[in-house]
Amino acid sequence: MTQQKNPPQIVVKDGKATAVILDIDEYEQMLERLEELDDLAALQSMRQAPLEFRKLDEFLNERSPGV
């Protein structure tokens, strides 16, 4: 038997919608989708930036000076 999800409930104050009550699973899925969209946007931004290559020693000195 599958559990039926509760439909979203809209909270109204002074005749205007002010909040929405969601099923927790639906809310968590929505957050995951938003994170994935943020990741995709960051990836697209990285792909548009020109590639820069440098020597490994330079990189390591920048990240961990004196090590």
PDB file of N, CA and C in Angstrom:
ATOM      1  N   MET A   1       0.848  -1.182   0.000  1.00  0.00           N
ATOM      2  CA  MET A   1       0.000   0.000   0.000  1.00  0.00           C
ATOM      3  C   MET A   1       0.890   1.240   0.000  1.00  0.00           C
ATOM      4  N   THR A   2       0.628   2.184  -0.910  1.00  0.00           N
ATOM      5  CA  THR A   2       1.398   3.423  -0.951  1.00  0.00           C
ATOM      6  C   THR A   2       0.706   4.470  -0.103  1.00  0.00           C
ATOM      7  N   GLN A   3       1.542   5.240   0.554  1.00  0.00           N
ATOM      8  CA  GLN A   3       1.017   6.285   1.420  1.00  0.00           C
ATOM      9  C   GLN A   3       0.698   7.514   0.579  1.00  0.00           C
ATOM     10  N   GLN A   4      -0.487   8.060   0.760  1.00  0.00           N
ATOM     11  CA  GLN A   4      -0.889   9.234   0.016  1.00  0.00           C
ATOM     12  C   GLN A   4      -0.273  10.466   0.657  1.00  0.00           C
ATOM     13  N   LYS A   5       0.310  11.337  -0.193  1.00  0.00           N
ATOM     14  CA  LYS A   5       0.901  12.571   0.324  1.00  0.00           C
ATOM     15  C   LYS A   5      -0.181  13.615   0.528  1.00  0.00           C
ATOM     16  N   ASN A   6       0.047  14.430   1.523  1.00  0.00           N
ATOM     17  CA  ASN A   6      -0.879  15.528   1.785  1.00  0.00           C
ATOM     18  C   ASN A   6      -0.651  16.623   0.750  1.00  0.00           C
ATOM     19  N   PRO A   7      -1.716  17.178   0.212  1.00  0.00           N
ATOM     20  CA  PRO A   7      -1.534  18.288  -0.736  1.00  0.00           C
ATOM     21  C   PRO A   7      -1.007  19.517   0.008  1.00  0.00           C
ATOM     22  N   PRO A   8      -0.309  20.391  -0.694  1.00  0.00           N
ATOM     23  CA  PRO A   8       0.174  21.619  -0.039  1.00  0.00           C
ATOM     24  C   PRO A   8      -0.993  22.428   0.525  1.00  0.00           C
ATOM     25  N   GLN A   9      -0.759  23.044   1.681  1.00  0.00           N
ATOM     26  CA  GLN A   9      -1.775  23.889   2.290  1.00  0.00           C
ATOM     27  C   GLN A   9      -1.269  25.321   2.285  1.00  0.00           C
ATOM     28  N   ILE A  10      -2.090  26.231   1.844  1.00  0.00           N
ATOM     29  CA  ILE A  10      -1.710  27.632   1.766  1.00  0.00           C
ATOM     30  C   ILE A  10      -2.253  28.367   2.983  1.00  0.00           C
ATOM     31  N   VAL A  11      -1.374  29.091   3.659  1.00  0.00           N
ATOM     32  CA  VAL A  11      -1.754  29.891   4.820  1.00  0.00           C
ATOM     33  C   VAL A  11      -2.071  31.299   4.322  1.00  0.00           C
ATOM     34  N   VAL A  12      -3.243  31.787   4.680  1.00  0.00           N
ATOM     35  CA  VAL A  12      -3.696  33.097   4.217  1.00  0.00           C
ATOM     36  C   VAL A  12      -3.807  34.034   5.415  1.00  0.00           C
ATOM     37  N   LYS A  13      -3.250  35.235   5.242  1.00  0.00           N
ATOM     38  CA  LYS A  13      -3.340  36.257   6.298  1.00  0.00           C
ATOM     39  C   LYS A  13      -3.796  37.552   5.642  1.00  0.00           C
ATOM     40  N   ASP A  14      -4.824  38.145   6.167  1.00  0.00           N
ATOM     41  CA  ASP A  14      -5.391  39.378   5.617  1.00  0.00           C
ATOM     42  C   ASP A  14      -5.704  39.237   4.128  1.00  0.00           C
ATOM     43  N   GLY A  15      -6.208  38.064   3.743  1.00  0.00           N
ATOM     44  CA  GLY A  15      -6.614  37.838   2.363  1.00  0.00           C
ATOM     45  C   GLY A  15      -5.475  37.558   1.391  1.00  0.00           C
ATOM     46  N   LYS A  16      -4.227  37.447   1.908  1.00  0.00           N
ATOM     47  CA  LYS A  16      -3.076  37.190   1.035  1.00  0.00           C
ATOM     48  C   LYS A  16      -2.381  35.909   1.461  1.00  0.00           C
ATOM     49  N   ALA A  17      -1.933  35.137   0.466  1.00  0.00           N
ATOM     50  CA  ALA A  17      -1.161  33.923   0.753  1.00  0.00           C
ATOM     51  C   ALA A  17       0.179  34.335   1.356  1.00  0.00           C
ATOM     52  N   THR A  18       0.497  33.783   2.531  1.00  0.00           N
ATOM     53  CA  THR A  18       1.734  34.164   3.216  1.00  0.00           C
ATOM     54  C   THR A  18       2.694  32.999   3.426  1.00  0.00           C
ATOM     55  N   ALA A  19       2.202  31.769   3.346  1.00  0.00           N
ATOM     56  CA  ALA A  19       3.062  30.609   3.577  1.00  0.00           C
ATOM     57  C   ALA A  19       2.416  29.377   2.953  1.00  0.00           C
ATOM     58  N   VAL A  20       3.258  28.343   2.784  1.00  0.00           N
ATOM     59  CA  VAL A  20       2.772  27.073   2.272  1.00  0.00           C
ATOM     60  C   VAL A  20       3.273  25.968   3.181  1.00  0.00           C
ATOM     61  N   ILE A  21       2.398  25.053   3.538  1.00  0.00           N
ATOM     62  CA  ILE A  21       2.770  23.882   4.333  1.00  0.00           C
ATOM     63  C   ILE A  21       2.857  22.699   3.368  1.00  0.00           C
ATOM     64  N   LEU A  22       4.061  22.099   3.300  1.00  0.00           N
ATOM     65  CA  LEU A  22       4.309  20.983   2.380  1.00  0.00           C
ATOM     66  C   LEU A  22       4.588  19.706   3.143  1.00  0.00           C
ATOM     67  N   ASP A  23       4.341  18.582   2.479  1.00  0.00           N
ATOM     68  CA  ASP A  23       4.765  17.286   2.975  1.00  0.00           C
ATOM     69  C   ASP A  23       6.300  17.322   3.072  1.00  0.00           C
ATOM     70  N   ILE A  24       6.871  16.797   4.125  1.00  0.00           N
ATOM     71  CA  ILE A  24       8.322  16.893   4.351  1.00  0.00           C
ATOM     72  C   ILE A  24       9.113  16.233   3.228  1.00  0.00           C
ATOM     73  N   ASP A  25       8.635  15.116   2.696  1.00  0.00           N
ATOM     74  CA  ASP A  25       9.331  14.454   1.588  1.00  0.00           C
ATOM     75  C   ASP A  25       9.345  15.341   0.350  1.00  0.00           C
ATOM     76  N   GLU A  26       8.234  15.979   0.085  1.00  0.00           N
ATOM     77  CA  GLU A  26       8.145  16.880  -1.063  1.00  0.00           C
ATOM     78  C   GLU A  26       9.094  18.064  -0.876  1.00  0.00           C
ATOM     79  N   TYR A  27       9.153  18.596   0.335  1.00  0.00           N
ATOM     80  CA  TYR A  27      10.053  19.708   0.647  1.00  0.00           C
ATOM     81  C   TYR A  27      11.509  19.304   0.443  1.00  0.00           C
ATOM     82  N   GLU A  28      11.891  18.125   0.938  1.00  0.00           N
ATOM     83  CA  GLU A  28      13.274  17.660   0.794  1.00  0.00           C
ATOM     84  C   GLU A  28      13.623  17.430  -0.676  1.00  0.00           C
ATOM     85  N   GLN A  29      12.686  16.892  -1.458  1.00  0.00           N
ATOM     86  CA  GLN A  29      12.921  16.706  -2.892  1.00  0.00           C
ATOM     87  C   GLN A  29      13.103  18.048  -3.589  1.00  0.00           C
ATOM     88  N   MET A  30      12.337  19.026  -3.184  1.00  0.00           N
ATOM     89  CA  MET A  30      12.454  20.359  -3.766  1.00  0.00           C
ATOM     90  C   MET A  30      13.827  20.960  -3.457  1.00  0.00           C
ATOM     91  N   LEU A  31      14.296  20.794  -2.216  1.00  0.00           N
ATOM     92  CA  LEU A  31      15.617  21.294  -1.851  1.00  0.00           C
ATOM     93  C   LEU A  31      16.716  20.607  -2.662  1.00  0.00           C
ATOM     94  N   GLU A  32      16.600  19.302  -2.861  1.00  0.00           N
ATOM     95  CA  GLU A  32      17.579  18.567  -3.655  1.00  0.00           C
ATOM     96  C   GLU A  32      17.618  19.081  -5.085  1.00  0.00           C
ATOM     97  N   ARG A  33      16.445  19.331  -5.668  1.00  0.00           N
ATOM     98  CA  ARG A  33      16.393  19.846  -7.039  1.00  0.00           C
ATOM     99  C   ARG A  33      17.031  21.232  -7.124  1.00  0.00           C
ATOM    100  N   LEU A  34      16.807  22.066  -6.121  1.00  0.00           N
ATOM    101  CA  LEU A  34      17.419  23.399  -6.111  1.00  0.00           C
ATOM    102  C   LEU A  34      18.935  23.301  -6.008  1.00  0.00           C
ATOM    103  N   GLU A  35      19.442  22.394  -5.176  1.00  0.00           N
ATOM    104  CA  GLU A  35      20.880  22.200  -5.060  1.00  0.00           C
ATOM    105  C   GLU A  35      21.468  21.730  -6.384  1.00  0.00           C
ATOM    106  N   GLU A  36      20.766  20.825  -7.060  1.00  0.00           N
ATOM    107  CA  GLU A  36      21.236  20.337  -8.356  1.00  0.00           C
ATOM    108  C   GLU A  36      21.273  21.462  -9.383  1.00  0.00           C
ATOM    109  N   LEU A  37      20.279  22.336  -9.363  1.00  0.00           N
ATOM    110  CA  LEU A  37      20.271  23.478 -10.273  1.00  0.00           C
ATOM    111  C   LEU A  37      21.431  24.422  -9.982  1.00  0.00           C
ATOM    112  N   ASP A  38      21.721  24.658  -8.711  1.00  0.00           N
ATOM    113  CA  ASP A  38      22.868  25.491  -8.329  1.00  0.00           C
ATOM    114  C   ASP A  38      24.170  24.863  -8.827  1.00  0.00           C
ATOM    115  N   ASP A  39      24.291  23.534  -8.664  1.00  0.00           N
ATOM    116  CA  ASP A  39      25.491  22.834  -9.127  1.00  0.00           C
ATOM    117  C   ASP A  39      25.642  22.953 -10.636  1.00  0.00           C
ATOM    118  N   LEU A  40      24.542  22.801 -11.377  1.00  0.00           N
ATOM    119  CA  LEU A  40      24.589  22.927 -12.832  1.00  0.00           C
ATOM    120  C   LEU A  40      24.987  24.336 -13.261  1.00  0.00           C
ATOM    121  N   ALA A  41      24.464  25.340 -12.579  1.00  0.00           N
ATOM    122  CA  ALA A  41      24.813  26.724 -12.901  1.00  0.00           C
ATOM    123  C   ALA A  41      26.298  26.970 -12.636  1.00  0.00           C
ATOM    124  N   ALA A  42      26.821  26.440 -11.537  1.00  0.00           N
ATOM    125  CA  ALA A  42      28.246  26.598 -11.229  1.00  0.00           C
ATOM    126  C   ALA A  42      29.102  25.894 -12.274  1.00  0.00           C
ATOM    127  N   LEU A  43      28.687  24.708 -12.693  1.00  0.00           N
ATOM    128  CA  LEU A  43      29.426  23.964 -13.706  1.00  0.00           C
ATOM    129  C   LEU A  43      29.441  24.722 -15.031  1.00  0.00           C
ATOM    130  N   GLN A  44      28.300  25.280 -15.424  1.00  0.00           N
ATOM    131  CA  GLN A  44      28.248  26.053 -16.661  1.00  0.00           C
ATOM    132  C   GLN A  44      29.169  27.263 -16.585  1.00  0.00           C
ATOM    133  N   SER A  45      29.201  27.914 -15.448  1.00  0.00           N
ATOM    134  CA  SER A  45      30.075  29.066 -15.257  1.00  0.00           C
ATOM    135  C   SER A  45      31.542  28.656 -15.376  1.00  0.00           C
ATOM    136  N   MET A  46      31.904  27.518 -14.770  1.00  0.00           N
ATOM    137  CA  MET A  46      33.284  27.033 -14.841  1.00  0.00           C
ATOM    138  C   MET A  46      33.675  26.685 -16.271  1.00  0.00           C
ATOM    139  N   ARG A  47      32.733  26.117 -17.000  1.00  0.00           N
ATOM    140  CA  ARG A  47      33.026  25.723 -18.383  1.00  0.00           C
ATOM    141  C   ARG A  47      33.243  26.935 -19.286  1.00  0.00           C
ATOM    142  N   GLN A  48      32.646  28.058 -18.957  1.00  0.00           N
ATOM    143  CA  GLN A  48      32.797  29.264 -19.770  1.00  0.00           C
ATOM    144  C   GLN A  48      34.104  29.998 -19.475  1.00  0.00           C
ATOM    145  N   ALA A  49      34.672  29.776 -18.302  1.00  0.00           N
ATOM    146  CA  ALA A  49      35.924  30.439 -17.935  1.00  0.00           C
ATOM    147  C   ALA A  49      37.080  29.800 -18.705  1.00  0.00           C
ATOM    148  N   PRO A  50      38.047  30.604 -19.123  1.00  0.00           N
ATOM    149  CA  PRO A  50      39.185  30.038 -19.838  1.00  0.00           C
ATOM    150  C   PRO A  50      40.028  29.160 -18.907  1.00  0.00           C
ATOM    151  N   LEU A  51      40.583  28.114 -19.467  1.00  0.00           N
ATOM    152  CA  LEU A  51      41.446  27.219 -18.694  1.00  0.00           C
ATOM    153  C   LEU A  51      42.815  27.850 -18.505  1.00  0.00           C
ATOM    154  N   GLU A  52      43.343  27.719 -17.321  1.00  0.00           N
ATOM    155  CA  GLU A  52      44.686  28.216 -17.032  1.00  0.00           C
ATOM    156  C   GLU A  52      45.500  27.067 -16.465  1.00  0.00           C
ATOM    157  N   PHE A  53      46.640  26.833 -17.069  1.00  0.00           N
ATOM    158  CA  PHE A  53      47.526  25.776 -16.598  1.00  0.00           C
ATOM    159  C   PHE A  53      48.756  26.406 -15.976  1.00  0.00           C
ATOM    160  N   ARG A  54      49.256  25.764 -14.917  1.00  0.00           N
ATOM    161  CA  ARG A  54      50.503  26.214 -14.291  1.00  0.00           C
ATOM    162  C   ARG A  54      51.212  25.019 -13.688  1.00  0.00           C
ATOM    163  N   LYS A  55      52.399  25.238 -13.280  1.00  0.00           N
ATOM    164  CA  LYS A  55      53.209  24.151 -12.736  1.00  0.00           C
ATOM    165  C   LYS A  55      52.660  23.711 -11.382  1.00  0.00           C
ATOM    166  N   LEU A  56      52.807  22.418 -11.101  1.00  0.00           N
ATOM    167  CA  LEU A  56      52.316  21.860  -9.849  1.00  0.00           C
ATOM    168  C   LEU A  56      52.961  22.537  -8.652  1.00  0.00           C
ATOM    169  N   ASP A  57      54.250  22.821  -8.724  1.00  0.00           N
ATOM    170  CA  ASP A  57      54.947  23.482  -7.605  1.00  0.00           C
ATOM    171  C   ASP A  57      54.320  24.831  -7.282  1.00  0.00           C
ATOM    172  N   GLU A  58      53.955  25.597  -8.302  1.00  0.00           N
ATOM    173  CA  GLU A  58      53.330  26.903  -8.077  1.00  0.00           C
ATOM    174  C   GLU A  58      51.990  26.737  -7.361  1.00  0.00           C
ATOM    175  N   PHE A  59      51.219  25.781  -7.805  1.00  0.00           N
ATOM    176  CA  PHE A  59      49.917  25.520  -7.186  1.00  0.00           C
ATOM    177  C   PHE A  59      50.068  25.117  -5.728  1.00  0.00           C
ATOM    178  N   LEU A  60      50.983  24.172  -5.466  1.00  0.00           N
ATOM    179  CA  LEU A  60      51.182  23.710  -4.093  1.00  0.00           C
ATOM    180  C   LEU A  60      51.694  24.810  -3.189  1.00  0.00           C
ATOM    181  N   ASN A  61      52.576  25.655  -3.680  1.00  0.00           N
ATOM    182  CA  ASN A  61      53.086  26.781  -2.873  1.00  0.00           C
ATOM    183  C   ASN A  61      51.973  27.761  -2.533  1.00  0.00           C
ATOM    184  N   GLU A  62      51.054  27.941  -3.469  1.00  0.00           N
ATOM    185  CA  GLU A  62      49.914  28.851  -3.223  1.00  0.00           C
ATOM    186  C   GLU A  62      48.962  28.269  -2.190  1.00  0.00           C
ATOM    187  N   ARG A  63      48.676  26.976  -2.268  1.00  0.00           N
ATOM    188  CA  ARG A  63      47.718  26.331  -1.378  1.00  0.00           C
ATOM    189  C   ARG A  63      48.287  26.001  -0.010  1.00  0.00           C
ATOM    190  N   SER A  64      49.548  25.637   0.030  1.00  0.00           N
ATOM    191  CA  SER A  64      50.182  25.219   1.290  1.00  0.00           C
ATOM    192  C   SER A  64      51.583  25.800   1.386  1.00  0.00           C
ATOM    193  N   PRO A  65      51.707  27.109   1.576  1.00  0.00           N
ATOM    194  CA  PRO A  65      53.042  27.696   1.621  1.00  0.00           C
ATOM    195  C   PRO A  65      53.862  27.136   2.776  1.00  0.00           C
ATOM    196  N   GLY A  66      55.104  26.827   2.500  1.00  0.00           N
ATOM    197  CA  GLY A  66      56.020  26.357   3.540  1.00  0.00           C
ATOM    198  C   GLY A  66      55.901  24.893   3.890  1.00  0.00           C
ATOM    199  N   VAL A  67      55.060  24.164   3.192  1.00  0.00           N
ATOM    200  CA  VAL A  67      54.917  22.730   3.510  1.00  0.00           C
ATOM    201  C   VAL A  67      55.833  21.933   2.642  1.00  0.00           C
TER     202      VAL A  67
END
